[in-house]
Amino acid sequence: MFRLIQSLIQPYRGTLLVIMIAMLVQTAMSVARPWPLKIILDNVVGSHKLSPEMIHLLGPFLRGESKMKIAEAAAIAPIVIALIGAAMSYIANYYTTSVGQWVANDLRRSLVRGIAGRTLA
């Protein structure tokens, strides 16, 4: 049984890898969703300074270290996170459905080939 399943999904290994990567990125975006709110609360409303790593990461978006620039970057971040998450969700769902249909079609074809070689008696 395992060999049958393995032989059916083997031609689609690359697509399955794309699905896995899309799901991992989608999960990362779900984990990152509350992060902009933390930045707002800690660094805009609160008095904490951004860490050097965060300044390096957000450097292209900040264009300075003022609280207003940090708030702008943190306001744009949920939109970017949502767009990336939605795109990865679409890719994962599309390819999961496609691979499922391809595997089912391959299974049907192999069953028909097996039945076609037999006699009715």
C-alpha atoms as a PDB file:
ATOM      1  CA  MET A   1       0.000   0.000   0.000  1.00  0.00           C
ATOM      2  CA  PHE A   2       2.836   2.399   0.886  1.00  0.00           C
ATOM      3  CA  ARG A   3       4.571   1.634  -2.415  1.00  0.00           C
ATOM      4  CA  LEU A   4       1.389   2.414  -4.333  1.00  0.00           C
ATOM      5  CA  ILE A   5       1.006   5.774  -2.614  1.00  0.00           C
ATOM      6  CA  GLN A   6       4.692   6.517  -3.074  1.00  0.00           C
ATOM      7  CA  SER A   7       4.525   5.687  -6.777  1.00  0.00           C
ATOM      8  CA  LEU A   8       1.446   7.882  -7.203  1.00  0.00           C
ATOM      9  CA  ILE A   9       2.902  10.986  -5.516  1.00  0.00           C
ATOM     10  CA  GLN A  10       6.488  10.634  -6.744  1.00  0.00           C
ATOM     11  CA  PRO A  11       5.929  12.585  -9.997  1.00  0.00           C
ATOM     12  CA  TYR A  12       4.629  15.504  -7.944  1.00  0.00           C
ATOM     13  CA  ARG A  13       7.487  15.847  -5.427  1.00  0.00           C
ATOM     14  CA  GLY A  14       8.386  19.338  -6.644  1.00  0.00           C
ATOM     15  CA  THR A  15       4.805  20.515  -6.344  1.00  0.00           C
ATOM     16  CA  LEU A  16       4.544  18.972  -2.880  1.00  0.00           C
ATOM     17  CA  LEU A  17       7.682  20.889  -1.904  1.00  0.00           C
ATOM     18  CA  VAL A  18       6.074  24.124  -3.123  1.00  0.00           C
ATOM     19  CA  ILE A  19       3.000  23.297  -1.026  1.00  0.00           C
ATOM     20  CA  MET A  20       5.150  22.671   2.058  1.00  0.00           C
ATOM     21  CA  ILE A  21       7.080  25.924   1.617  1.00  0.00           C
ATOM     22  CA  ALA A  22       3.850  27.875   1.081  1.00  0.00           C
ATOM     23  CA  MET A  23       2.375  26.377   4.254  1.00  0.00           C
ATOM     24  CA  LEU A  24       5.505  27.211   6.253  1.00  0.00           C
ATOM     25  CA  VAL A  25       5.459  30.819   5.041  1.00  0.00           C
ATOM     26  CA  GLN A  26       1.722  30.999   5.768  1.00  0.00           C
ATOM     27  CA  THR A  27       2.387  29.744   9.312  1.00  0.00           C
ATOM     28  CA  ALA A  28       5.187  32.277   9.755  1.00  0.00           C
ATOM     29  CA  MET A  29       2.824  35.062   8.680  1.00  0.00           C
ATOM     30  CA  SER A  30       0.251  33.864  11.208  1.00  0.00           C
ATOM     31  CA  VAL A  31       2.885  33.980  13.929  1.00  0.00           C
ATOM     32  CA  ALA A  32       4.038  37.443  12.787  1.00  0.00           C
ATOM     33  CA  ARG A  33       0.519  38.906  12.825  1.00  0.00           C
ATOM     34  CA  PRO A  34       0.670  40.392  16.384  1.00  0.00           C
ATOM     35  CA  TRP A  35       4.229  41.689  15.922  1.00  0.00           C
ATOM     36  CA  PRO A  36       3.302  45.200  14.585  1.00  0.00           C
ATOM     37  CA  LEU A  37       1.053  45.794  17.593  1.00  0.00           C
ATOM     38  CA  LYS A  38       3.968  44.961  19.894  1.00  0.00           C
ATOM     39  CA  ILE A  39       6.113  47.501  18.037  1.00  0.00           C
ATOM     40  CA  ILE A  40       3.410  50.156  18.434  1.00  0.00           C
ATOM     41  CA  LEU A  41       2.891  49.474  22.131  1.00  0.00           C
ATOM     42  CA  ASP A  42       6.561  49.155  23.041  1.00  0.00           C
ATOM     43  CA  ASN A  43       8.201  51.715  20.800  1.00  0.00           C
ATOM     44  CA  VAL A  44       5.564  54.307  19.942  1.00  0.00           C
ATOM     45  CA  VAL A  45       3.260  54.424  22.973  1.00  0.00           C
ATOM     46  CA  GLY A  46       5.913  53.168  25.381  1.00  0.00           C
ATOM     47  CA  SER A  47       9.414  54.468  25.855  1.00  0.00           C
ATOM     48  CA  HIS A  48      11.478  51.518  24.604  1.00  0.00           C
ATOM     49  CA  LYS A  49      13.984  52.016  21.823  1.00  0.00           C
ATOM     50  CA  LEU A  50      14.108  49.763  18.806  1.00  0.00           C
ATOM     51  CA  SER A  51      16.843  47.161  18.999  1.00  0.00           C
ATOM     52  CA  PRO A  52      19.675  47.406  16.456  1.00  0.00           C
ATOM     53  CA  GLU A  53      18.389  44.224  14.795  1.00  0.00           C
ATOM     54  CA  MET A  54      14.942  45.760  14.347  1.00  0.00           C
ATOM     55  CA  ILE A  55      16.432  48.973  12.996  1.00  0.00           C
ATOM     56  CA  HIS A  56      18.434  46.906  10.510  1.00  0.00           C
ATOM     57  CA  LEU A  57      15.358  44.839   9.557  1.00  0.00           C
ATOM     58  CA  LEU A  58      13.027  47.822   9.252  1.00  0.00           C
ATOM     59  CA  GLY A  59      15.682  50.212   7.933  1.00  0.00           C
ATOM     60  CA  PRO A  60      14.259  50.613   4.412  1.00  0.00           C
ATOM     61  CA  PHE A  61      10.791  51.296   5.840  1.00  0.00           C
ATOM     62  CA  LEU A  62      11.728  53.618   8.705  1.00  0.00           C
ATOM     63  CA  ARG A  63      13.746  56.392   7.043  1.00  0.00           C
ATOM     64  CA  GLY A  64      14.589  57.625  10.519  1.00  0.00           C
ATOM     65  CA  GLU A  65      13.983  56.568  14.089  1.00  0.00           C
ATOM     66  CA  SER A  66      11.193  58.956  15.065  1.00  0.00           C
ATOM     67  CA  LYS A  67       8.075  57.550  16.683  1.00  0.00           C
ATOM     68  CA  MET A  68       5.980  58.644  13.715  1.00  0.00           C
ATOM     69  CA  LYS A  69       8.193  56.721  11.268  1.00  0.00           C
ATOM     70  CA  ILE A  70       8.048  53.650  13.507  1.00  0.00           C
ATOM     71  CA  ALA A  71       4.242  53.956  13.635  1.00  0.00           C
ATOM     72  CA  GLU A  72       4.071  54.246   9.838  1.00  0.00           C
ATOM     73  CA  ALA A  73       6.175  51.120   9.362  1.00  0.00           C
ATOM     74  CA  ALA A  74       4.115  49.248  11.974  1.00  0.00           C
ATOM     75  CA  ALA A  75       0.897  50.354  10.243  1.00  0.00           C
ATOM     76  CA  ILE A  76       2.050  49.029   6.877  1.00  0.00           C
ATOM     77  CA  ALA A  77       3.359  45.739   8.308  1.00  0.00           C
ATOM     78  CA  PRO A  78      -0.072  44.088   8.921  1.00  0.00           C
ATOM     79  CA  ILE A  79      -1.052  44.782   5.318  1.00  0.00           C
ATOM     80  CA  VAL A  80       2.162  43.214   4.013  1.00  0.00           C
ATOM     81  CA  ILE A  81       1.810  40.270   6.403  1.00  0.00           C
ATOM     82  CA  ALA A  82      -1.817  39.722   5.340  1.00  0.00           C
ATOM     83  CA  LEU A  83      -0.965  39.926   1.626  1.00  0.00           C
ATOM     84  CA  ILE A  84       1.896  37.438   1.923  1.00  0.00           C
ATOM     85  CA  GLY A  85      -0.237  35.099   4.060  1.00  0.00           C
ATOM     86  CA  ALA A  86      -3.146  35.273   1.594  1.00  0.00           C
ATOM     87  CA  ALA A  87      -0.878  34.616  -1.392  1.00  0.00           C
ATOM     88  CA  MET A  88       0.704  31.610   0.309  1.00  0.00           C
ATOM     89  CA  SER A  89      -2.729  30.312   1.330  1.00  0.00           C
ATOM     90  CA  TYR A  90      -3.911  30.559  -2.272  1.00  0.00           C
ATOM     91  CA  ILE A  91      -0.802  28.796  -3.584  1.00  0.00           C
ATOM     92  CA  ALA A  92      -1.069  26.014  -0.994  1.00  0.00           C
ATOM     93  CA  ASN A  93      -4.787  25.459  -1.617  1.00  0.00           C
ATOM     94  CA  TYR A  94      -4.472  25.581  -5.408  1.00  0.00           C
ATOM     95  CA  TYR A  95      -1.598  23.138  -5.606  1.00  0.00           C
ATOM     96  CA  THR A  96      -3.002  20.829  -2.916  1.00  0.00           C
ATOM     97  CA  THR A  97      -6.232  20.518  -4.881  1.00  0.00           C
ATOM     98  CA  SER A  98      -4.338  20.071  -8.145  1.00  0.00           C
ATOM     99  CA  VAL A  99      -2.056  17.350  -6.785  1.00  0.00           C
ATOM    100  CA  GLY A 100      -5.054  15.570  -5.267  1.00  0.00           C
ATOM    101  CA  GLN A 101      -6.817  15.565  -8.625  1.00  0.00           C
ATOM    102  CA  TRP A 102      -3.679  14.464 -10.486  1.00  0.00           C
ATOM    103  CA  VAL A 103      -3.064  11.585  -8.074  1.00  0.00           C
ATOM    104  CA  ALA A 104      -6.723  10.495  -8.271  1.00  0.00           C
ATOM    105  CA  ASN A 105      -6.532  10.571 -12.078  1.00  0.00           C
ATOM    106  CA  ASP A 106      -3.310   8.523 -12.051  1.00  0.00           C
ATOM    107  CA  LEU A 107      -4.931   5.998  -9.701  1.00  0.00           C
ATOM    108  CA  ARG A 108      -7.985   5.702 -11.971  1.00  0.00           C
ATOM    109  CA  ARG A 109      -5.771   5.200 -15.013  1.00  0.00           C
ATOM    110  CA  SER A 110      -3.728   2.483 -13.295  1.00  0.00           C
ATOM    111  CA  LEU A 111      -6.926   0.719 -12.194  1.00  0.00           C
ATOM    112  CA  VAL A 112      -8.355   0.852 -15.726  1.00  0.00           C
ATOM    113  CA  ARG A 113      -5.070  -0.500 -17.124  1.00  0.00           C
ATOM    114  CA  GLY A 114      -5.215  -3.352 -14.592  1.00  0.00           C
ATOM    115  CA  ILE A 115      -8.836  -4.168 -15.389  1.00  0.00           C
ATOM    116  CA  ALA A 116      -8.377  -3.860 -19.162  1.00  0.00           C
ATOM    117  CA  GLY A 117      -5.926  -6.736 -19.224  1.00  0.00           C
ATOM    118  CA  ARG A 118      -8.376  -9.195 -17.651  1.00  0.00           C
ATOM    119  CA  THR A 119     -11.097 -11.255 -19.237  1.00  0.00           C
ATOM    120  CA  LEU A 120     -14.730 -11.159 -18.149  1.00  0.00           C
ATOM    121  CA  ALA A 121     -14.922 -14.877 -17.442  1.00  0.00           C
END
